[in-house]
Amino acid sequence: VQLQAFGGGLVQTGGSLRLSCATSGRISKVYSVGWFRQTPGKQREMVAIITDDTAEGTHYADDVKGRFTIARDIADQTIYLQMNNLKPDDTATYFCRVTDVANVYWGQGTLVTVSS
């Protein structure tokens, strides 16, 4: 199983970006899909995660609620993160993650830089 994240880049404060994570390989039963981010010297933190396809199964970090939206296309095996009203504090490397019952799969990361 491989995950490839892309869509990062340089954007001004208030701008938008859409990250994509393409998955390949067979995952028997997906438990969760999500996006995390990390800055140098800090721990990787959860940004958004889907544990099931209900409103209650989608969770966001407090500082991205109302600005970021996670979605997945099961047929295309792709996970998305729409990021609006970006702030300099959103600058980080963003990683996608998929879990099944026994495994955790990570993408390679895509850098998002928000200029002030």
C-alpha atoms as a PDB file:
ATOM      1  CA  VAL A   1       0.000   0.000   0.000  1.00  0.00           C
ATOM      2  CA  GLN A   2       1.327   3.427  -0.951  1.00  0.00           C
ATOM      3  CA  LEU A   3       0.021   6.890  -0.265  1.00  0.00           C
ATOM      4  CA  GLN A   4       1.128   9.887  -2.298  1.00  0.00           C
ATOM      5  CA  ALA A   5       0.215  13.356  -1.093  1.00  0.00           C
ATOM      6  CA  PHE A   6       0.409  16.434  -3.304  1.00  0.00           C
ATOM      7  CA  GLY A   7      -1.074  19.890  -3.697  1.00  0.00           C
ATOM      8  CA  GLY A   8       1.052  21.845  -1.253  1.00  0.00           C
ATOM      9  CA  GLY A   9       2.693  25.113  -2.119  1.00  0.00           C
ATOM     10  CA  LEU A  10       3.106  28.763  -1.240  1.00  0.00           C
ATOM     11  CA  VAL A  11      -0.023  30.817  -0.635  1.00  0.00           C
ATOM     12  CA  GLN A  12      -0.798  34.171   0.917  1.00  0.00           C
ATOM     13  CA  THR A  13      -2.758  34.611   4.109  1.00  0.00           C
ATOM     14  CA  GLY A  14      -6.444  34.162   3.384  1.00  0.00           C
ATOM     15  CA  GLY A  15      -5.805  31.974   0.372  1.00  0.00           C
ATOM     16  CA  SER A  16      -6.845  28.406  -0.314  1.00  0.00           C
ATOM     17  CA  LEU A  17      -5.205  25.128  -1.225  1.00  0.00           C
ATOM     18  CA  ARG A  18      -6.522  21.669  -1.880  1.00  0.00           C
ATOM     19  CA  LEU A  19      -4.409  18.719  -0.873  1.00  0.00           C
ATOM     20  CA  SER A  20      -4.901  15.305  -2.393  1.00  0.00           C
ATOM     21  CA  CYS A  21      -3.709  11.901  -1.274  1.00  0.00           C
ATOM     22  CA  ALA A  22      -3.816   9.097  -3.793  1.00  0.00           C
ATOM     23  CA  THR A  23      -3.734   5.578  -2.400  1.00  0.00           C
ATOM     24  CA  SER A  24      -2.676   2.460  -4.243  1.00  0.00           C
ATOM     25  CA  GLY A  25      -2.755  -1.123  -3.196  1.00  0.00           C
ATOM     26  CA  ARG A  26      -5.430  -3.047  -1.416  1.00  0.00           C
ATOM     27  CA  ILE A  27      -6.523  -2.169   2.076  1.00  0.00           C
ATOM     28  CA  SER A  28      -8.816  -4.826   3.429  1.00  0.00           C
ATOM     29  CA  LYS A  29     -10.957  -2.713   5.697  1.00  0.00           C
ATOM     30  CA  VAL A  30     -10.230   0.969   6.165  1.00  0.00           C
ATOM     31  CA  TYR A  31     -10.661   2.128   9.723  1.00  0.00           C
ATOM     32  CA  SER A  32      -9.796   5.785   9.285  1.00  0.00           C
ATOM     33  CA  VAL A  33      -8.412   8.289   6.810  1.00  0.00           C
ATOM     34  CA  GLY A  34      -6.929  11.568   7.867  1.00  0.00           C
ATOM     35  CA  TRP A  35      -4.550  14.454   7.496  1.00  0.00           C
ATOM     36  CA  PHE A  36      -1.852  15.414   9.953  1.00  0.00           C
ATOM     37  CA  ARG A  37       0.739  18.167   9.944  1.00  0.00           C
ATOM     38  CA  GLN A  38       4.134  18.759  11.436  1.00  0.00           C
ATOM     39  CA  THR A  39       6.530  21.658  11.839  1.00  0.00           C
ATOM     40  CA  PRO A  40      10.227  21.316  12.715  1.00  0.00           C
ATOM     41  CA  GLY A  41      10.790  20.477  16.365  1.00  0.00           C
ATOM     42  CA  LYS A  42       7.148  19.694  17.040  1.00  0.00           C
ATOM     43  CA  GLN A  43       5.095  16.543  17.168  1.00  0.00           C
ATOM     44  CA  ARG A  44       2.869  15.585  14.308  1.00  0.00           C
ATOM     45  CA  GLU A  45      -0.680  16.667  15.036  1.00  0.00           C
ATOM     46  CA  MET A  46      -4.060  15.648  13.724  1.00  0.00           C
ATOM     47  CA  VAL A  47      -5.737  18.128  11.404  1.00  0.00           C
ATOM     48  CA  ALA A  48      -8.782  16.209  10.208  1.00  0.00           C
ATOM     49  CA  ILE A  49      -9.874  12.597  10.299  1.00  0.00           C
ATOM     50  CA  ILE A  50     -12.749  10.467   9.074  1.00  0.00           C
ATOM     51  CA  THR A  51     -13.581   7.331  11.026  1.00  0.00           C
ATOM     52  CA  ASP A  52     -16.909   6.635   9.359  1.00  0.00           C
ATOM     53  CA  ASP A  53     -19.112   8.294   6.774  1.00  0.00           C
ATOM     54  CA  THR A  54     -21.376  10.099   9.169  1.00  0.00           C
ATOM     55  CA  ALA A  55     -21.204  13.659  10.441  1.00  0.00           C
ATOM     56  CA  GLU A  56     -20.202  12.265  13.820  1.00  0.00           C
ATOM     57  CA  GLY A  57     -17.375  10.342  12.228  1.00  0.00           C
ATOM     58  CA  THR A  58     -15.505  13.396  11.015  1.00  0.00           C
ATOM     59  CA  HIS A  59     -13.282  15.317  13.388  1.00  0.00           C
ATOM     60  CA  TYR A  60     -11.218  18.458  13.061  1.00  0.00           C
ATOM     61  CA  ALA A  61      -8.585  20.134  15.150  1.00  0.00           C
ATOM     62  CA  ASP A  62     -10.065  23.159  16.874  1.00  0.00           C
ATOM     63  CA  ASP A  63      -7.916  25.658  15.012  1.00  0.00           C
ATOM     64  CA  VAL A  64      -9.031  24.477  11.569  1.00  0.00           C
ATOM     65  CA  LYS A  65     -12.752  24.028  12.200  1.00  0.00           C
ATOM     66  CA  GLY A  66     -14.790  26.045   9.758  1.00  0.00           C
ATOM     67  CA  ARG A  67     -11.800  26.543   7.447  1.00  0.00           C
ATOM     68  CA  PHE A  68     -10.711  23.034   6.436  1.00  0.00           C
ATOM     69  CA  THR A  69     -12.815  20.225   4.991  1.00  0.00           C
ATOM     70  CA  ILE A  70     -11.761  16.600   4.645  1.00  0.00           C
ATOM     71  CA  ALA A  71     -13.355  14.352   2.080  1.00  0.00           C
ATOM     72  CA  ARG A  72     -12.671  11.033   0.457  1.00  0.00           C
ATOM     73  CA  ASP A  73     -13.554   9.465  -2.842  1.00  0.00           C
ATOM     74  CA  ILE A  74     -13.782   5.744  -2.231  1.00  0.00           C
ATOM     75  CA  ALA A  75     -13.978   4.839  -5.919  1.00  0.00           C
ATOM     76  CA  ASP A  76     -10.817   6.812  -6.759  1.00  0.00           C
ATOM     77  CA  GLN A  77      -9.122   5.897  -3.475  1.00  0.00           C
ATOM     78  CA  THR A  78      -8.271   9.522  -2.887  1.00  0.00           C
ATOM     79  CA  ILE A  79      -8.435  11.657   0.226  1.00  0.00           C
ATOM     80  CA  TYR A  80      -8.773  15.423   0.017  1.00  0.00           C
ATOM     81  CA  LEU A  81      -8.222  18.344   2.328  1.00  0.00           C
ATOM     82  CA  GLN A  82      -9.713  21.640   1.243  1.00  0.00           C
ATOM     83  CA  MET A  83      -8.041  24.446   3.146  1.00  0.00           C
ATOM     84  CA  ASN A  84      -9.593  27.904   3.071  1.00  0.00           C
ATOM     85  CA  ASN A  85      -8.720  31.165   4.806  1.00  0.00           C
ATOM     86  CA  LEU A  86      -5.196  29.945   5.405  1.00  0.00           C
ATOM     87  CA  LYS A  87      -3.104  31.535   8.131  1.00  0.00           C
ATOM     88  CA  PRO A  88       0.665  31.658   8.692  1.00  0.00           C
ATOM     89  CA  ASP A  89       0.207  29.212  11.600  1.00  0.00           C
ATOM     90  CA  ASP A  90      -1.019  26.641   9.074  1.00  0.00           C
ATOM     91  CA  THR A  91       2.485  26.481   7.600  1.00  0.00           C
ATOM     92  CA  ALA A  92       3.643  22.878   7.963  1.00  0.00           C
ATOM     93  CA  THR A  93       4.299  19.652   6.143  1.00  0.00           C
ATOM     94  CA  TYR A  94       1.008  17.843   5.712  1.00  0.00           C
ATOM     95  CA  PHE A  95       0.772  14.063   5.774  1.00  0.00           C
ATOM     96  CA  CYS A  96      -2.091  11.799   4.868  1.00  0.00           C
ATOM     97  CA  ARG A  97      -2.710   8.644   6.836  1.00  0.00           C
ATOM     98  CA  VAL A  98      -4.850   5.570   6.376  1.00  0.00           C
ATOM     99  CA  THR A  99      -5.370   2.905   8.983  1.00  0.00           C
ATOM    100  CA  ASP A 100      -6.916  -0.523   8.874  1.00  0.00           C
ATOM    101  CA  VAL A 101      -7.339  -3.006  11.677  1.00  0.00           C
ATOM    102  CA  ALA A 102      -3.651  -3.818  11.931  1.00  0.00           C
ATOM    103  CA  ASN A 103      -1.684  -1.217   9.962  1.00  0.00           C
ATOM    104  CA  VAL A 104      -0.958   2.485   9.722  1.00  0.00           C
ATOM    105  CA  TYR A 105       0.019   3.863   6.315  1.00  0.00           C
ATOM    106  CA  TRP A 106       1.556   7.327   5.816  1.00  0.00           C
ATOM    107  CA  GLY A 107       2.076   9.449   2.761  1.00  0.00           C
ATOM    108  CA  GLN A 108       5.377  11.235   2.184  1.00  0.00           C
ATOM    109  CA  GLY A 109       4.193  14.727   3.106  1.00  0.00           C
ATOM    110  CA  THR A 110       3.551  17.882   1.149  1.00  0.00           C
ATOM    111  CA  LEU A 111       4.737  21.293   2.301  1.00  0.00           C
ATOM    112  CA  VAL A 112       2.278  24.133   2.772  1.00  0.00           C
ATOM    113  CA  THR A 113       3.700  27.602   3.323  1.00  0.00           C
ATOM    114  CA  VAL A 114       1.424  30.512   4.152  1.00  0.00           C
ATOM    115  CA  SER A 115       2.997  33.946   3.833  1.00  0.00           C
ATOM    116  CA  SER A 116       1.833  36.875   5.918  1.00  0.00           C
END
